[in-house]
Amino acid sequence: MRPSPPGGTSAAADAAAGGPAVAEAPPRIVPAAAPPRRLDATRPKGLRSFVAGRTPLTLPVSGHIVRRYGEADEFGQTTRGVTLETRPGAQIVAPFDGRVMFAGPFRGYGQILIIEHGDGYHSLLAGLERIDGAVGQWLVAGEPVATMGTGEPRPRLYLELRRNGQPINPLPFLATREDKGTG
């Protein structure tokens, strides 16, 4: 096994069969300067703005949490997201409205998807078998974006939420059952 990246477990490390795949960090999300406002004909009407503290994220997959933000992993590194154990072939949905910023393989981490939600927020999904979105594509919360693998042991999805490029705990943002259907 290769050593875990310095400074904590990376997104892809949690996604890769329960341990780090390589000692490299996932793509760094650096907020860009806001471009001049232009009308984007591809942007769906009614996309919500991400407002910290008032915006519930949709749980991207049905499953149970096997590792929480800030917990030590099996290598003693602190995690920067949550890991959910899913059923084989599970469908993954967008956790919130946004635009795909990255979709595809990243170094030794496998398939990852990064969605920009606006106001400096991004979500990173890793551990995916297949991605059904493309860079630049607009998404609505709950829209299918990927599927999990079918191999053993049970697949694990890694979810990381970032604000201005820094990982933050996604658990307070995740919708409870009572939140579903509100928006």
Protein backbone atom coordinates (compact mmCIF):
# COMPACT_ATOMS: atom_id res chain seq x y z
CA MET A 1 0.00 0.00 0.00
CA ARG A 2 1.17 3.48 -0.71
CA PRO A 3 1.29 6.09 2.06
CA SER A 4 -1.60 8.46 2.52
CA PRO A 5 -1.15 12.02 1.22
CA PRO A 6 0.21 14.51 3.76
CA GLY A 7 -2.35 16.75 5.40
CA GLY A 8 -5.24 14.31 5.41
CA THR A 9 -6.99 11.72 3.36
CA SER A 10 -7.82 12.93 -0.12
CA ALA A 11 -11.17 12.53 -1.82
CA ALA A 12 -10.03 9.81 -4.09
CA ALA A 13 -8.16 8.00 -1.35
CA ASP A 14 -11.40 7.34 0.52
CA ALA A 15 -13.09 6.34 -2.69
CA ALA A 16 -10.48 3.87 -3.76
CA ALA A 17 -11.42 0.61 -2.08
CA GLY A 18 -11.03 1.94 1.41
CA GLY A 19 -7.51 3.29 1.09
CA PRO A 20 -5.27 5.70 -0.79
CA ALA A 21 -4.48 4.90 -4.39
CA VAL A 22 -1.58 7.33 -4.78
CA ALA A 23 0.11 9.97 -2.69
CA GLU A 24 -1.22 12.87 -4.77
CA ALA A 25 -3.97 15.32 -3.95
CA PRO A 26 -7.16 15.57 -6.05
CA PRO A 27 -7.52 18.53 -8.40
CA ARG A 28 -7.31 21.79 -6.49
CA ILE A 29 -10.37 23.97 -6.86
CA VAL A 30 -9.28 27.57 -7.10
CA PRO A 31 -12.08 30.11 -7.33
CA ALA A 32 -11.64 32.15 -10.46
CA ALA A 33 -12.32 35.84 -10.74
CA ALA A 34 -15.94 36.36 -11.72
CA PRO A 35 -16.20 36.76 -15.50
CA PRO A 36 -18.39 39.48 -16.93
CA ARG A 37 -22.05 38.47 -16.68
CA ARG A 38 -23.33 37.01 -19.92
CA LEU A 39 -26.60 35.33 -20.64
CA ASP A 40 -26.07 31.57 -20.79
CA ALA A 41 -28.76 30.01 -22.95
CA THR A 42 -27.87 26.53 -21.65
CA ARG A 43 -28.50 27.43 -17.99
CA PRO A 44 -31.81 25.93 -16.80
CA LYS A 45 -34.35 28.36 -15.40
CA GLY A 46 -34.96 28.17 -11.69
CA LEU A 47 -31.48 27.09 -10.54
CA ARG A 48 -31.11 27.85 -6.85
CA SER A 49 -28.33 29.88 -5.30
CA PHE A 50 -26.21 28.16 -2.68
CA VAL A 51 -26.74 29.92 0.64
CA ALA A 52 -24.67 28.55 3.53
CA GLY A 53 -26.79 27.43 6.47
CA ARG A 54 -30.05 27.50 4.49
CA THR A 55 -29.29 25.23 1.56
CA PRO A 56 -29.81 21.49 2.02
CA LEU A 57 -27.78 19.19 -0.21
CA THR A 58 -29.43 16.10 -1.62
CA LEU A 59 -27.73 12.92 -0.47
CA PRO A 60 -26.15 11.74 -3.74
CA VAL A 61 -26.79 8.04 -3.09
CA SER A 62 -28.73 5.76 -0.82
CA GLY A 63 -26.38 4.10 1.62
CA HIS A 64 -24.87 4.45 5.03
CA ILE A 65 -21.98 6.61 6.19
CA VAL A 66 -18.87 4.57 6.94
CA ARG A 67 -16.51 7.51 7.48
CA ARG A 68 -17.36 11.04 8.59
CA TYR A 69 -15.60 14.34 7.99
CA GLY A 70 -12.67 14.81 10.37
CA GLU A 71 -12.42 11.16 11.44
CA ALA A 72 -9.13 9.33 11.28
CA ASP A 73 -8.96 6.73 8.55
CA GLU A 74 -7.19 3.38 8.82
CA PHE A 75 -3.87 5.16 8.11
CA GLY A 76 -4.38 7.79 10.84
CA GLN A 77 -5.06 10.60 8.37
CA THR A 78 -7.96 13.00 8.87
CA THR A 79 -10.72 12.73 6.25
CA ARG A 80 -11.92 15.82 4.40
CA GLY A 81 -15.31 14.48 3.37
CA VAL A 82 -17.74 11.65 4.02
CA THR A 83 -17.70 8.13 2.63
CA LEU A 84 -20.95 6.26 2.00
CA GLU A 85 -21.20 2.54 1.39
CA THR A 86 -23.67 1.90 -1.44
CA ARG A 87 -25.18 -1.03 -3.25
CA PRO A 88 -23.40 -2.24 -6.40
CA GLY A 89 -24.46 -0.29 -9.50
CA ALA A 90 -26.17 2.44 -7.43
CA GLN A 91 -27.22 5.59 -9.26
CA ILE A 92 -25.53 8.81 -8.11
CA VAL A 93 -27.37 12.15 -8.29
CA ALA A 94 -26.23 15.77 -8.16
CA PRO A 95 -26.26 16.99 -4.55
CA PHE A 96 -27.24 20.53 -5.57
CA ASP A 97 -27.87 22.67 -8.65
CA GLY A 98 -24.69 23.60 -10.48
CA ARG A 99 -22.37 23.12 -13.41
CA VAL A 100 -19.91 20.30 -14.06
CA MET A 101 -16.36 21.64 -13.75
CA PHE A 102 -14.47 18.33 -14.02
CA ALA A 103 -15.58 14.85 -15.07
CA GLY A 104 -13.33 11.89 -15.66
CA PRO A 105 -10.35 9.97 -14.39
CA PHE A 106 -7.83 11.78 -12.26
CA ARG A 107 -4.38 10.26 -11.88
CA GLY A 108 -4.76 7.01 -9.91
CA TYR A 109 -7.98 8.02 -8.19
CA GLY A 110 -10.44 6.70 -10.75
CA GLN A 111 -13.51 8.60 -11.96
CA ILE A 112 -14.33 11.85 -10.15
CA LEU A 113 -16.91 14.55 -10.72
CA ILE A 114 -16.62 18.16 -9.51
CA ILE A 115 -19.73 20.37 -9.55
CA GLU A 116 -19.60 24.13 -9.04
CA HIS A 117 -22.63 25.37 -7.09
CA GLY A 118 -21.80 29.07 -7.02
CA ASP A 119 -20.85 31.45 -4.21
CA GLY A 120 -17.50 29.62 -3.90
CA TYR A 121 -19.03 26.17 -3.21
CA HIS A 122 -18.09 22.96 -5.05
CA SER A 123 -18.85 19.32 -4.44
CA LEU A 124 -16.51 16.50 -5.37
CA LEU A 125 -17.79 12.96 -5.90
CA ALA A 126 -15.29 10.09 -6.18
CA GLY A 127 -15.37 6.32 -6.37
CA LEU A 128 -17.56 6.34 -9.48
CA GLU A 129 -17.63 3.60 -12.09
CA ARG A 130 -19.25 5.69 -14.84
CA ILE A 131 -19.94 9.43 -15.16
CA ASP A 132 -23.00 10.52 -17.12
CA GLY A 133 -22.20 14.23 -17.24
CA ALA A 134 -19.81 16.39 -19.24
CA VAL A 135 -17.76 19.45 -18.38
CA GLY A 136 -19.91 22.57 -18.79
CA GLN A 137 -23.20 20.71 -18.35
CA TRP A 138 -25.77 22.33 -16.02
CA LEU A 139 -27.32 20.07 -13.39
CA VAL A 140 -30.34 20.25 -11.13
CA ALA A 141 -30.24 18.70 -7.64
CA GLY A 142 -31.30 15.07 -7.80
CA GLU A 143 -30.42 14.67 -11.48
CA PRO A 144 -28.56 11.39 -12.24
CA VAL A 145 -24.86 12.03 -12.87
CA ALA A 146 -23.05 8.71 -12.39
CA THR A 147 -23.21 5.08 -11.29
CA MET A 148 -21.19 3.04 -8.84
CA GLY A 149 -19.27 -0.10 -9.72
CA THR A 150 -20.51 -3.62 -9.20
CA GLY A 151 -17.40 -5.24 -7.73
CA GLU A 152 -16.77 -6.54 -4.25
CA PRO A 153 -16.55 -5.33 -1.58
CA ARG A 154 -19.52 -2.98 -1.54
CA PRO A 155 -18.78 0.24 -3.48
CA ARG A 156 -18.01 3.44 -1.60
CA LEU A 157 -18.85 6.96 -2.69
CA TYR A 158 -16.75 9.81 -1.37
CA LEU A 159 -18.41 13.23 -1.05
CA GLU A 160 -16.42 16.35 -0.34
CA LEU A 161 -17.85 19.87 -0.06
CA ARG A 162 -15.51 22.81 -0.57
CA ARG A 163 -15.87 26.51 0.05
CA ASN A 164 -13.36 28.75 -1.71
CA GLY A 165 -11.22 25.68 -2.40
CA GLN A 166 -11.11 24.48 1.22
CA PRO A 167 -12.84 21.29 2.38
CA ILE A 168 -15.70 21.82 4.86
CA ASN A 169 -17.93 19.36 6.67
CA PRO A 170 -20.79 18.40 4.31
CA LEU A 171 -22.92 16.73 7.01
CA PRO A 172 -24.63 19.93 8.26
CA PHE A 173 -25.65 20.66 4.65
CA LEU A 174 -27.17 17.26 3.89
CA ALA A 175 -30.97 17.21 3.75
CA THR A 176 -32.84 15.17 6.30
CA ARG A 177 -35.86 13.12 5.27
CA GLU A 178 -38.08 15.95 6.48
CA ASP A 179 -36.26 18.42 4.16
CA LYS A 180 -36.99 16.39 1.02
CA GLY A 181 -39.49 17.98 -1.25
CA THR A 182 -38.81 21.47 0.05
CA GLY A 183 -36.68 23.89 -1.73
